[in-house]
Full PDB file with SEQRES, HELIX, SHEET, SSBOND, CRYST1, ORIGX, SCALE, CONECT and MASTER records, all heavy atoms in Angstrom:
SEQRES   1 A   39  GLY ILE HIS SER ILE THR ARG PHE PRO SER ASP GLY LEU          
SEQRES   2 A   39  SER THR ARG ILE CYS GLY THR VAL ASP PHE ILE GLU ILE          
SEQRES   3 A   39  PRO ALA PRO ASN ALA VAL GLU ARG SER PHE ALA PHE ALA          
HELIX    1 AA1 ALA A   31  PHE A   38  1                                   8    
CRYST1    1.000    1.000    1.000  90.00  90.00  90.00 P 1           1          
ORIGX1      1.000000  0.000000  0.000000        0.00000                         
ORIGX2      0.000000  1.000000  0.000000        0.00000                         
ORIGX3      0.000000  0.000000  1.000000        0.00000                         
SCALE1      1.000000  0.000000  0.000000        0.00000                         
SCALE2      0.000000  1.000000  0.000000        0.00000                         
SCALE3      0.000000  0.000000  1.000000        0.00000                         
ATOM      1  N   GLY A   1      -3.698 -12.155  14.169  1.00  0.00           N  
ATOM      2  CA  GLY A   1      -4.128 -12.011  12.809  1.00  0.00           C  
ATOM      3  C   GLY A   1      -3.238 -12.794  11.810  1.00  0.00           C  
ATOM      4  O   GLY A   1      -3.398 -12.747  10.652  1.00  0.00           O  
ATOM      5  N   ILE A   2      -2.295 -13.539  12.343  1.00  0.00           N  
ATOM      6  CA  ILE A   2      -1.351 -14.261  11.485  1.00  0.00           C  
ATOM      7  C   ILE A   2      -1.981 -15.559  11.007  1.00  0.00           C  
ATOM      8  O   ILE A   2      -2.644 -16.272  11.717  1.00  0.00           O  
ATOM      9  CB  ILE A   2      -0.032 -14.585  12.273  1.00  0.00           C  
ATOM     10  CG1 ILE A   2       0.472 -13.290  12.936  1.00  0.00           C  
ATOM     11  CG2 ILE A   2       0.972 -15.165  11.343  1.00  0.00           C  
ATOM     12  CD1 ILE A   2       0.679 -12.122  11.966  1.00  0.00           C  
ATOM     13  N   HIS A   3      -1.731 -15.849   9.689  1.00  0.00           N  
ATOM     14  CA  HIS A   3      -2.404 -16.938   9.061  1.00  0.00           C  
ATOM     15  C   HIS A   3      -1.527 -17.566   7.937  1.00  0.00           C  
ATOM     16  O   HIS A   3      -0.522 -16.920   7.592  1.00  0.00           O  
ATOM     17  CB  HIS A   3      -3.774 -16.544   8.524  1.00  0.00           C  
ATOM     18  CG  HIS A   3      -3.658 -15.335   7.623  1.00  0.00           C  
ATOM     19  ND1 HIS A   3      -3.898 -14.053   8.102  1.00  0.00           N  
ATOM     20  CD2 HIS A   3      -3.372 -15.184   6.301  1.00  0.00           C  
ATOM     21  CE1 HIS A   3      -3.749 -13.173   7.150  1.00  0.00           C  
ATOM     22  NE2 HIS A   3      -3.416 -13.801   6.036  1.00  0.00           N  
ATOM     23  N   SER A   4      -1.930 -18.669   7.411  1.00  0.00           N  
ATOM     24  CA  SER A   4      -1.235 -19.253   6.271  1.00  0.00           C  
ATOM     25  C   SER A   4      -1.453 -18.415   5.039  1.00  0.00           C  
ATOM     26  O   SER A   4      -2.529 -17.828   4.842  1.00  0.00           O  
ATOM     27  CB  SER A   4      -1.680 -20.680   6.020  1.00  0.00           C  
ATOM     28  OG  SER A   4      -1.423 -21.519   7.120  1.00  0.00           O  
ATOM     29  N   ILE A   5      -0.481 -18.350   4.181  1.00  0.00           N  
ATOM     30  CA  ILE A   5      -0.571 -17.602   2.910  1.00  0.00           C  
ATOM     31  C   ILE A   5      -1.549 -18.221   1.964  1.00  0.00           C  
ATOM     32  O   ILE A   5      -1.490 -19.434   1.657  1.00  0.00           O  
ATOM     33  CB  ILE A   5       0.834 -17.450   2.265  1.00  0.00           C  
ATOM     34  CG1 ILE A   5       1.754 -16.646   3.184  1.00  0.00           C  
ATOM     35  CG2 ILE A   5       0.742 -16.808   0.851  1.00  0.00           C  
ATOM     36  CD1 ILE A   5       3.219 -16.652   2.724  1.00  0.00           C  
ATOM     37  N   THR A   6      -2.418 -17.429   1.420  1.00  0.00           N  
ATOM     38  CA  THR A   6      -3.356 -17.890   0.371  1.00  0.00           C  
ATOM     39  C   THR A   6      -3.290 -17.050  -0.851  1.00  0.00           C  
ATOM     40  O   THR A   6      -3.850 -17.477  -1.915  1.00  0.00           O  
ATOM     41  CB  THR A   6      -4.813 -17.857   0.907  1.00  0.00           C  
ATOM     42  OG1 THR A   6      -5.122 -16.508   1.336  1.00  0.00           O  
ATOM     43  CG2 THR A   6      -4.962 -18.768   2.168  1.00  0.00           C  
ATOM     44  N   ARG A   7      -2.665 -15.911  -0.812  1.00  0.00           N  
ATOM     45  CA  ARG A   7      -2.617 -14.990  -1.959  1.00  0.00           C  
ATOM     46  C   ARG A   7      -1.859 -15.553  -3.125  1.00  0.00           C  
ATOM     47  O   ARG A   7      -2.141 -15.326  -4.324  1.00  0.00           O  
ATOM     48  CB  ARG A   7      -2.049 -13.662  -1.572  1.00  0.00           C  
ATOM     49  CG  ARG A   7      -1.949 -12.680  -2.733  1.00  0.00           C  
ATOM     50  CD  ARG A   7      -1.288 -11.309  -2.270  1.00  0.00           C  
ATOM     51  NE  ARG A   7      -2.128 -10.713  -1.234  1.00  0.00           N  
ATOM     52  CZ  ARG A   7      -1.742  -9.714  -0.448  1.00  0.00           C  
ATOM     53  NH1 ARG A   7      -0.485  -9.339  -0.472  1.00  0.00           N  
ATOM     54  NH2 ARG A   7      -2.590  -9.185   0.423  1.00  0.00           N  
ATOM     55  N   PHE A   8      -0.792 -16.343  -2.843  1.00  0.00           N  
ATOM     56  CA  PHE A   8       0.055 -16.885  -3.968  1.00  0.00           C  
ATOM     57  C   PHE A   8       0.598 -18.213  -3.442  1.00  0.00           C  
ATOM     58  O   PHE A   8       0.579 -18.488  -2.223  1.00  0.00           O  
ATOM     59  CB  PHE A   8       1.216 -15.921  -4.258  1.00  0.00           C  
ATOM     60  CG  PHE A   8       1.951 -15.459  -3.025  1.00  0.00           C  
ATOM     61  CD1 PHE A   8       2.973 -16.182  -2.433  1.00  0.00           C  
ATOM     62  CD2 PHE A   8       1.644 -14.225  -2.474  1.00  0.00           C  
ATOM     63  CE1 PHE A   8       3.632 -15.714  -1.345  1.00  0.00           C  
ATOM     64  CE2 PHE A   8       2.289 -13.729  -1.351  1.00  0.00           C  
ATOM     65  CZ  PHE A   8       3.354 -14.590  -0.784  1.00  0.00           C  
ATOM     66  N   PRO A   9       1.040 -19.045  -4.330  1.00  0.00           N  
ATOM     67  CA  PRO A   9       1.568 -20.353  -3.993  1.00  0.00           C  
ATOM     68  C   PRO A   9       2.816 -20.171  -3.110  1.00  0.00           C  
ATOM     69  O   PRO A   9       3.763 -19.387  -3.453  1.00  0.00           O  
ATOM     70  CB  PRO A   9       1.911 -21.081  -5.301  1.00  0.00           C  
ATOM     71  CG  PRO A   9       1.078 -20.305  -6.322  1.00  0.00           C  
ATOM     72  CD  PRO A   9       1.003 -18.946  -5.854  1.00  0.00           C  
ATOM     73  N   SER A  10       2.869 -20.918  -2.034  1.00  0.00           N  
ATOM     74  CA  SER A  10       3.993 -20.796  -1.106  1.00  0.00           C  
ATOM     75  C   SER A  10       4.744 -22.082  -0.943  1.00  0.00           C  
ATOM     76  O   SER A  10       5.667 -22.157  -0.066  1.00  0.00           O  
ATOM     77  CB  SER A  10       3.513 -20.252   0.263  1.00  0.00           C  
ATOM     78  OG  SER A  10       2.593 -21.232   0.833  1.00  0.00           O  
ATOM     79  N   ASP A  11       4.425 -23.076  -1.755  1.00  0.00           N  
ATOM     80  CA  ASP A  11       5.162 -24.345  -1.701  1.00  0.00           C  
ATOM     81  C   ASP A  11       6.618 -24.102  -2.001  1.00  0.00           C  
ATOM     82  O   ASP A  11       6.966 -23.359  -2.917  1.00  0.00           O  
ATOM     83  CB  ASP A  11       4.604 -25.331  -2.737  1.00  0.00           C  
ATOM     84  CG  ASP A  11       3.163 -25.659  -2.464  1.00  0.00           C  
ATOM     85  OD1 ASP A  11       2.693 -25.437  -1.354  1.00  0.00           O  
ATOM     86  OD2 ASP A  11       2.439 -26.128  -3.380  1.00  0.00           O  
ATOM     87  N   GLY A  12       7.419 -24.691  -1.182  1.00  0.00           N  
ATOM     88  CA  GLY A  12       8.874 -24.474  -1.386  1.00  0.00           C  
ATOM     89  C   GLY A  12       9.466 -23.323  -0.630  1.00  0.00           C  
ATOM     90  O   GLY A  12      10.731 -23.255  -0.587  1.00  0.00           O  
ATOM     91  N   LEU A  13       8.635 -22.456  -0.137  1.00  0.00           N  
ATOM     92  CA  LEU A  13       9.177 -21.342   0.617  1.00  0.00           C  
ATOM     93  C   LEU A  13       9.424 -21.747   2.064  1.00  0.00           C  
ATOM     94  O   LEU A  13       8.654 -22.517   2.593  1.00  0.00           O  
ATOM     95  CB  LEU A  13       8.199 -20.166   0.591  1.00  0.00           C  
ATOM     96  CG  LEU A  13       7.917 -19.503  -0.745  1.00  0.00           C  
ATOM     97  CD1 LEU A  13       6.908 -18.356  -0.583  1.00  0.00           C  
ATOM     98  CD2 LEU A  13       9.171 -18.949  -1.398  1.00  0.00           C  
ATOM     99  N   SER A  14      10.476 -21.246   2.666  1.00  0.00           N  
ATOM    100  CA  SER A  14      10.760 -21.621   4.051  1.00  0.00           C  
ATOM    101  C   SER A  14       9.691 -20.995   5.033  1.00  0.00           C  
ATOM    102  O   SER A  14       9.432 -21.518   6.064  1.00  0.00           O  
ATOM    103  CB  SER A  14      12.133 -21.205   4.490  1.00  0.00           C  
ATOM    104  OG  SER A  14      12.370 -19.827   4.239  1.00  0.00           O  
ATOM    105  N   THR A  15       9.155 -19.780   4.682  1.00  0.00           N  
ATOM    106  CA  THR A  15       8.080 -19.153   5.450  1.00  0.00           C  
ATOM    107  C   THR A  15       6.799 -19.174   4.609  1.00  0.00           C  
ATOM    108  O   THR A  15       6.767 -18.721   3.484  1.00  0.00           O  
ATOM    109  CB  THR A  15       8.475 -17.701   5.788  1.00  0.00           C  
ATOM    110  OG1 THR A  15       9.568 -17.743   6.722  1.00  0.00           O  
ATOM    111  CG2 THR A  15       7.317 -17.015   6.435  1.00  0.00           C  
ATOM    112  N   ARG A  16       5.756 -19.718   5.237  1.00  0.00           N  
ATOM    113  CA  ARG A  16       4.464 -19.814   4.492  1.00  0.00           C  
ATOM    114  C   ARG A  16       3.308 -19.213   5.303  1.00  0.00           C  
ATOM    115  O   ARG A  16       2.195 -19.604   5.147  1.00  0.00           O  
ATOM    116  CB  ARG A  16       4.207 -21.334   4.202  1.00  0.00           C  
ATOM    117  CG  ARG A  16       5.256 -21.989   3.328  1.00  0.00           C  
ATOM    118  CD  ARG A  16       4.862 -23.422   2.921  1.00  0.00           C  
ATOM    119  NE  ARG A  16       4.792 -24.300   4.078  1.00  0.00           N  
ATOM    120  CZ  ARG A  16       5.842 -24.848   4.660  1.00  0.00           C  
ATOM    121  NH1 ARG A  16       7.068 -24.620   4.277  1.00  0.00           N  
ATOM    122  NH2 ARG A  16       5.642 -25.634   5.757  1.00  0.00           N  
ATOM    123  N   ILE A  17       3.700 -18.248   6.139  1.00  0.00           N  
ATOM    124  CA  ILE A  17       2.697 -17.610   6.966  1.00  0.00           C  
ATOM    125  C   ILE A  17       2.855 -16.088   6.852  1.00  0.00           C  
ATOM    126  O   ILE A  17       3.953 -15.600   6.405  1.00  0.00           O  
ATOM    127  CB  ILE A  17       2.781 -17.912   8.494  1.00  0.00           C  
ATOM    128  CG1 ILE A  17       4.256 -17.702   8.921  1.00  0.00           C  
ATOM    129  CG2 ILE A  17       2.418 -19.406   8.665  1.00  0.00           C  
ATOM    130  CD1 ILE A  17       4.396 -17.927  10.427  1.00  0.00           C  
ATOM    131  N   CYS A  18       1.839 -15.308   7.147  1.00  0.00           N  
ATOM    132  CA  CYS A  18       1.931 -13.873   7.045  1.00  0.00           C  
ATOM    133  C   CYS A  18       0.754 -13.211   7.769  1.00  0.00           C  
ATOM    134  O   CYS A  18      -0.103 -13.886   8.330  1.00  0.00           O  
ATOM    135  CB  CYS A  18       1.797 -13.441   5.506  1.00  0.00           C  
ATOM    136  SG  CYS A  18       0.243 -13.951   4.832  1.00  0.00           S  
ATOM    137  N   GLY A  19       0.718 -11.906   7.752  1.00  0.00           N  
ATOM    138  CA  GLY A  19      -0.370 -11.111   8.280  1.00  0.00           C  
ATOM    139  C   GLY A  19      -0.939 -10.231   7.204  1.00  0.00           C  
ATOM    140  O   GLY A  19      -1.156  -9.085   7.380  1.00  0.00           O  
ATOM    141  N   THR A  20      -1.328 -10.841   6.082  1.00  0.00           N  
ATOM    142  CA  THR A  20      -1.809 -10.011   4.942  1.00  0.00           C  
ATOM    143  C   THR A  20      -3.235  -9.560   5.213  1.00  0.00           C  
ATOM    144  O   THR A  20      -3.968 -10.141   5.984  1.00  0.00           O  
ATOM    145  CB  THR A  20      -1.795 -10.855   3.601  1.00  0.00           C  
ATOM    146  OG1 THR A  20      -2.433 -12.070   3.827  1.00  0.00           O  
ATOM    147  CG2 THR A  20      -0.420 -11.056   3.117  1.00  0.00           C  
ATOM    148  N   VAL A  21      -3.631  -8.491   4.504  1.00  0.00           N  
ATOM    149  CA  VAL A  21      -4.988  -7.931   4.542  1.00  0.00           C  
ATOM    150  C   VAL A  21      -5.651  -8.411   3.237  1.00  0.00           C  
ATOM    151  O   VAL A  21      -5.342  -7.887   2.217  1.00  0.00           O  
ATOM    152  CB  VAL A  21      -4.944  -6.440   4.664  1.00  0.00           C  
ATOM    153  CG1 VAL A  21      -6.393  -5.840   4.569  1.00  0.00           C  
ATOM    154  CG2 VAL A  21      -4.306  -6.003   5.965  1.00  0.00           C  
ATOM    155  N   ASP A  22      -6.516  -9.389   3.370  1.00  0.00           N  
ATOM    156  CA  ASP A  22      -7.142 -10.011   2.182  1.00  0.00           C  
ATOM    157  C   ASP A  22      -8.626  -9.693   2.096  1.00  0.00           C  
ATOM    158  O   ASP A  22      -9.276 -10.293   1.213  1.00  0.00           O  
ATOM    159  CB  ASP A  22      -6.905 -11.500   2.187  1.00  0.00           C  
ATOM    160  CG  ASP A  22      -5.418 -11.844   2.157  1.00  0.00           C  
ATOM    161  OD1 ASP A  22      -4.685 -11.199   1.405  1.00  0.00           O  
ATOM    162  OD2 ASP A  22      -4.990 -12.772   2.924  1.00  0.00           O  
ATOM    163  N   PHE A  23      -9.142  -8.814   2.903  1.00  0.00           N  
ATOM    164  CA  PHE A  23     -10.563  -8.583   2.932  1.00  0.00           C  
ATOM    165  C   PHE A  23     -11.014  -7.247   2.308  1.00  0.00           C  
ATOM    166  O   PHE A  23     -12.177  -6.903   2.430  1.00  0.00           O  
ATOM    167  CB  PHE A  23     -11.070  -8.690   4.406  1.00  0.00           C  
ATOM    168  CG  PHE A  23     -10.220  -7.943   5.373  1.00  0.00           C  
ATOM    169  CD1 PHE A  23     -10.366  -6.573   5.562  1.00  0.00           C  
ATOM    170  CD2 PHE A  23      -9.254  -8.643   6.142  1.00  0.00           C  
ATOM    171  CE1 PHE A  23      -9.597  -5.853   6.464  1.00  0.00           C  
ATOM    172  CE2 PHE A  23      -8.517  -7.924   7.053  1.00  0.00           C  
ATOM    173  CZ  PHE A  23      -8.621  -6.580   7.236  1.00  0.00           C  
ATOM    174  N   ILE A  24     -10.054  -6.497   1.759  1.00  0.00           N  
ATOM    175  CA  ILE A  24     -10.406  -5.231   1.055  1.00  0.00           C  
ATOM    176  C   ILE A  24     -10.264  -5.478  -0.459  1.00  0.00           C  
ATOM    177  O   ILE A  24      -9.200  -5.881  -0.916  1.00  0.00           O  
ATOM    178  CB  ILE A  24      -9.520  -4.107   1.549  1.00  0.00           C  
ATOM    179  CG1 ILE A  24      -9.798  -3.788   3.003  1.00  0.00           C  
ATOM    180  CG2 ILE A  24      -9.721  -2.826   0.659  1.00  0.00           C  
ATOM    181  CD1 ILE A  24      -8.930  -2.703   3.537  1.00  0.00           C  
ATOM    182  N   GLU A  25     -11.308  -5.233  -1.159  1.00  0.00           N  
ATOM    183  CA  GLU A  25     -11.286  -5.482  -2.627  1.00  0.00           C  
ATOM    184  C   GLU A  25     -10.375  -4.484  -3.333  1.00  0.00           C  
ATOM    185  O   GLU A  25     -10.448  -3.191  -3.061  1.00  0.00           O  
ATOM    186  CB  GLU A  25     -12.702  -5.357  -3.147  1.00  0.00           C  
ATOM    187  CG  GLU A  25     -12.820  -5.823  -4.671  1.00  0.00           C  
ATOM    188  CD  GLU A  25     -14.272  -5.814  -5.110  1.00  0.00           C  
ATOM    189  OE1 GLU A  25     -15.179  -5.866  -4.271  1.00  0.00           O  
ATOM    190  OE2 GLU A  25     -14.503  -5.866  -6.344  1.00  0.00           O  
ATOM    191  N   ILE A  26      -9.551  -4.898  -4.233  1.00  0.00           N  
ATOM    192  CA  ILE A  26      -8.693  -4.075  -5.000  1.00  0.00           C  
ATOM    193  C   ILE A  26      -8.867  -4.410  -6.538  1.00  0.00           C  
ATOM    194  O   ILE A  26      -9.207  -5.602  -6.794  1.00  0.00           O  
ATOM    195  CB  ILE A  26      -7.223  -4.195  -4.651  1.00  0.00           C  
ATOM    196  CG1 ILE A  26      -6.736  -5.633  -4.805  1.00  0.00           C  
ATOM    197  CG2 ILE A  26      -6.953  -3.749  -3.213  1.00  0.00           C  
ATOM    198  CD1 ILE A  26      -5.218  -5.776  -4.717  1.00  0.00           C  
ATOM    199  N   PRO A  27      -8.732  -3.468  -7.364  1.00  0.00           N  
ATOM    200  CA  PRO A  27      -8.950  -3.710  -8.793  1.00  0.00           C  
ATOM    201  C   PRO A  27      -7.851  -4.480  -9.509  1.00  0.00           C  
ATOM    202  O   PRO A  27      -8.117  -5.092 -10.548  1.00  0.00           O  
ATOM    203  CB  PRO A  27      -9.086  -2.307  -9.381  1.00  0.00           C  
ATOM    204  CG  PRO A  27      -8.293  -1.429  -8.474  1.00  0.00           C  
ATOM    205  CD  PRO A  27      -8.487  -2.003  -7.106  1.00  0.00           C  
ATOM    206  N   ALA A  28      -6.655  -4.420  -8.960  1.00  0.00           N  
ATOM    207  CA  ALA A  28      -5.541  -5.160  -9.593  1.00  0.00           C  
ATOM    208  C   ALA A  28      -4.628  -5.686  -8.524  1.00  0.00           C  
ATOM    209  O   ALA A  28      -4.378  -5.037  -7.536  1.00  0.00           O  
ATOM    210  CB  ALA A  28      -4.750  -4.233 -10.524  1.00  0.00           C  
ATOM    211  N   PRO A  29      -4.111  -6.934  -8.730  1.00  0.00           N  
ATOM    212  CA  PRO A  29      -3.345  -7.576  -7.699  1.00  0.00           C  
ATOM    213  C   PRO A  29      -1.883  -7.147  -7.719  1.00  0.00           C  
ATOM    214  O   PRO A  29      -0.988  -7.879  -8.088  1.00  0.00           O  
ATOM    215  CB  PRO A  29      -3.485  -9.077  -8.067  1.00  0.00           C  
ATOM    216  CG  PRO A  29      -3.605  -9.048  -9.568  1.00  0.00           C  
ATOM    217  CD  PRO A  29      -4.374  -7.807  -9.910  1.00  0.00           C  
ATOM    218  N   ASN A  30      -1.639  -5.888  -7.234  1.00  0.00           N  
ATOM    219  CA  ASN A  30      -0.223  -5.500  -7.077  1.00  0.00           C  
ATOM    220  C   ASN A  30      -0.062  -4.593  -5.884  1.00  0.00           C  
ATOM    221  O   ASN A  30      -1.034  -4.158  -5.261  1.00  0.00           O  
ATOM    222  CB  ASN A  30       0.218  -4.769  -8.371  1.00  0.00           C  
ATOM    223  CG  ASN A  30      -0.529  -3.474  -8.653  1.00  0.00           C  
ATOM    224  OD1 ASN A  30      -0.475  -2.552  -7.823  1.00  0.00           O  
ATOM    225  ND2 ASN A  30      -1.185  -3.389  -9.767  1.00  0.00           N  
ATOM    226  N   ALA A  31       1.161  -4.433  -5.495  1.00  0.00           N  
ATOM    227  CA  ALA A  31       1.443  -3.702  -4.183  1.00  0.00           C  
ATOM    228  C   ALA A  31       0.953  -2.330  -4.151  1.00  0.00           C  
ATOM    229  O   ALA A  31       0.539  -1.807  -3.113  1.00  0.00           O  
ATOM    230  CB  ALA A  31       2.978  -3.791  -3.939  1.00  0.00           C  
ATOM    231  N   VAL A  32       1.021  -1.646  -5.319  1.00  0.00           N  
ATOM    232  CA  VAL A  32       0.562  -0.236  -5.322  1.00  0.00           C  
ATOM    233  C   VAL A  32      -0.989  -0.154  -5.097  1.00  0.00           C  
ATOM    234  O   VAL A  32      -1.438   0.651  -4.262  1.00  0.00           O  
ATOM    235  CB  VAL A  32       0.927   0.451  -6.698  1.00  0.00           C  
ATOM    236  CG1 VAL A  32       0.201   1.719  -6.846  1.00  0.00           C  
ATOM    237  CG2 VAL A  32       2.416   0.722  -6.679  1.00  0.00           C  
ATOM    238  N   GLU A  33      -1.709  -0.971  -5.789  1.00  0.00           N  
ATOM    239  CA  GLU A  33      -3.139  -0.990  -5.606  1.00  0.00           C  
ATOM    240  C   GLU A  33      -3.563  -1.343  -4.209  1.00  0.00           C  
ATOM    241  O   GLU A  33      -4.444  -0.748  -3.599  1.00  0.00           O  
ATOM    242  CB  GLU A  33      -3.836  -1.891  -6.624  1.00  0.00           C  
ATOM    243  CG  GLU A  33      -3.838  -1.351  -8.010  1.00  0.00           C  
ATOM    244  CD  GLU A  33      -4.705  -0.098  -8.200  1.00  0.00           C  
ATOM    245  OE1 GLU A  33      -5.531   0.196  -7.361  1.00  0.00           O  
ATOM    246  OE2 GLU A  33      -4.543   0.518  -9.264  1.00  0.00           O  
ATOM    247  N   ARG A  34      -2.880  -2.350  -3.637  1.00  0.00           N  
ATOM    248  CA  ARG A  34      -3.214  -2.756  -2.258  1.00  0.00           C  
ATOM    249  C   ARG A  34      -2.825  -1.630  -1.355  1.00  0.00           C  
ATOM    250  O   ARG A  34      -3.681  -1.280  -0.481  1.00  0.00           O  
ATOM    251  CB  ARG A  34      -2.365  -4.020  -1.876  1.00  0.00           C  
ATOM    252  CG  ARG A  34      -3.009  -5.276  -2.464  1.00  0.00           C  
ATOM    253  CD  ARG A  34      -2.345  -6.534  -1.815  1.00  0.00           C  
ATOM    254  NE  ARG A  34      -0.944  -6.648  -2.132  1.00  0.00           N  
ATOM    255  CZ  ARG A  34      -0.389  -7.243  -3.119  1.00  0.00           C  
ATOM    256  NH1 ARG A  34      -1.171  -7.773  -4.023  1.00  0.00           N  
ATOM    257  NH2 ARG A  34       0.921  -7.309  -3.335  1.00  0.00           N  
ATOM    258  N   SER A  35      -1.666  -1.055  -1.458  1.00  0.00           N  
ATOM    259  CA  SER A  35      -1.227   0.035  -0.604  1.00  0.00           C  
ATOM    260  C   SER A  35      -2.151   1.225  -0.634  1.00  0.00           C  
ATOM    261  O   SER A  35      -2.522   1.910   0.376  1.00  0.00           O  
ATOM    262  CB  SER A  35       0.175   0.390  -0.856  1.00  0.00           C  
ATOM    263  OG  SER A  35       1.084  -0.705  -0.626  1.00  0.00           O  
ATOM    264  N   PHE A  36      -2.552   1.553  -1.866  1.00  0.00           N  
ATOM    265  CA  PHE A  36      -3.525   2.729  -2.052  1.00  0.00           C  
ATOM    266  C   PHE A  36      -4.833   2.386  -1.362  1.00  0.00           C  
ATOM    267  O   PHE A  36      -5.403   3.265  -0.675  1.00  0.00           O  
ATOM    268  CB  PHE A  36      -3.701   3.047  -3.520  1.00  0.00           C  
ATOM    269  CG  PHE A  36      -4.852   3.979  -3.748  1.00  0.00           C  
ATOM    270  CD1 PHE A  36      -4.701   5.311  -3.414  1.00  0.00           C  
ATOM    271  CD2 PHE A  36      -6.065   3.522  -4.275  1.00  0.00           C  
ATOM    272  CE1 PHE A  36      -5.747   6.190  -3.568  1.00  0.00           C  
ATOM    273  CE2 PHE A  36      -7.095   4.464  -4.477  1.00  0.00           C  
ATOM    274  CZ  PHE A  36      -6.937   5.771  -4.137  1.00  0.00           C  
ATOM    275  N   ALA A  37      -5.384   1.221  -1.641  1.00  0.00           N  
ATOM    276  CA  ALA A  37      -6.679   0.843  -1.041  1.00  0.00           C  
ATOM    277  C   ALA A  37      -6.642   0.918   0.496  1.00  0.00           C  
ATOM    278  O   ALA A  37      -7.608   1.445   1.107  1.00  0.00           O  
ATOM    279  CB  ALA A  37      -7.104  -0.558  -1.524  1.00  0.00           C  
ATOM    280  N   PHE A  38      -5.615   0.392   1.103  1.00  0.00           N  
ATOM    281  CA  PHE A  38      -5.509   0.475   2.545  1.00  0.00           C  
ATOM    282  C   PHE A  38      -5.495   1.899   3.034  1.00  0.00           C  
ATOM    283  O   PHE A  38      -6.132   2.260   4.004  1.00  0.00           O  
ATOM    284  CB  PHE A  38      -4.226  -0.271   3.074  1.00  0.00           C  
ATOM    285  CG  PHE A  38      -4.180  -1.759   2.672  1.00  0.00           C  
ATOM    286  CD1 PHE A  38      -3.010  -2.420   2.686  1.00  0.00           C  
ATOM    287  CD2 PHE A  38      -5.286  -2.420   2.175  1.00  0.00           C  
ATOM    288  CE1 PHE A  38      -2.877  -3.706   2.379  1.00  0.00           C  
ATOM    289  CE2 PHE A  38      -5.171  -3.753   1.748  1.00  0.00           C  
ATOM    290  CZ  PHE A  38      -3.998  -4.412   1.873  1.00  0.00           C  
ATOM    291  N   ALA A  39      -4.606   2.711   2.373  1.00  0.00           N  
ATOM    292  CA  ALA A  39      -4.500   4.091   2.748  1.00  0.00           C  
ATOM    293  C   ALA A  39      -5.788   4.860   2.592  1.00  0.00           C  
ATOM    294  O   ALA A  39      -6.139   5.712   3.386  1.00  0.00           O  
ATOM    295  CB  ALA A  39      -3.347   4.726   1.964  1.00  0.00           C  
TER     296      ALA A  39                                                      
MASTER        0    0    0    1    0    0    0    6  295    1    0    3          
END                                                                             
């Protein structure tokens, strides 16, 4: 499930890959809303 980062610009970062969950809709783009939605 590992893929290139699309959530935020990663130019200049030494790591540009992740295993983010980008297919669940959340009302606001922050860690609390994401974590709550997954839970």
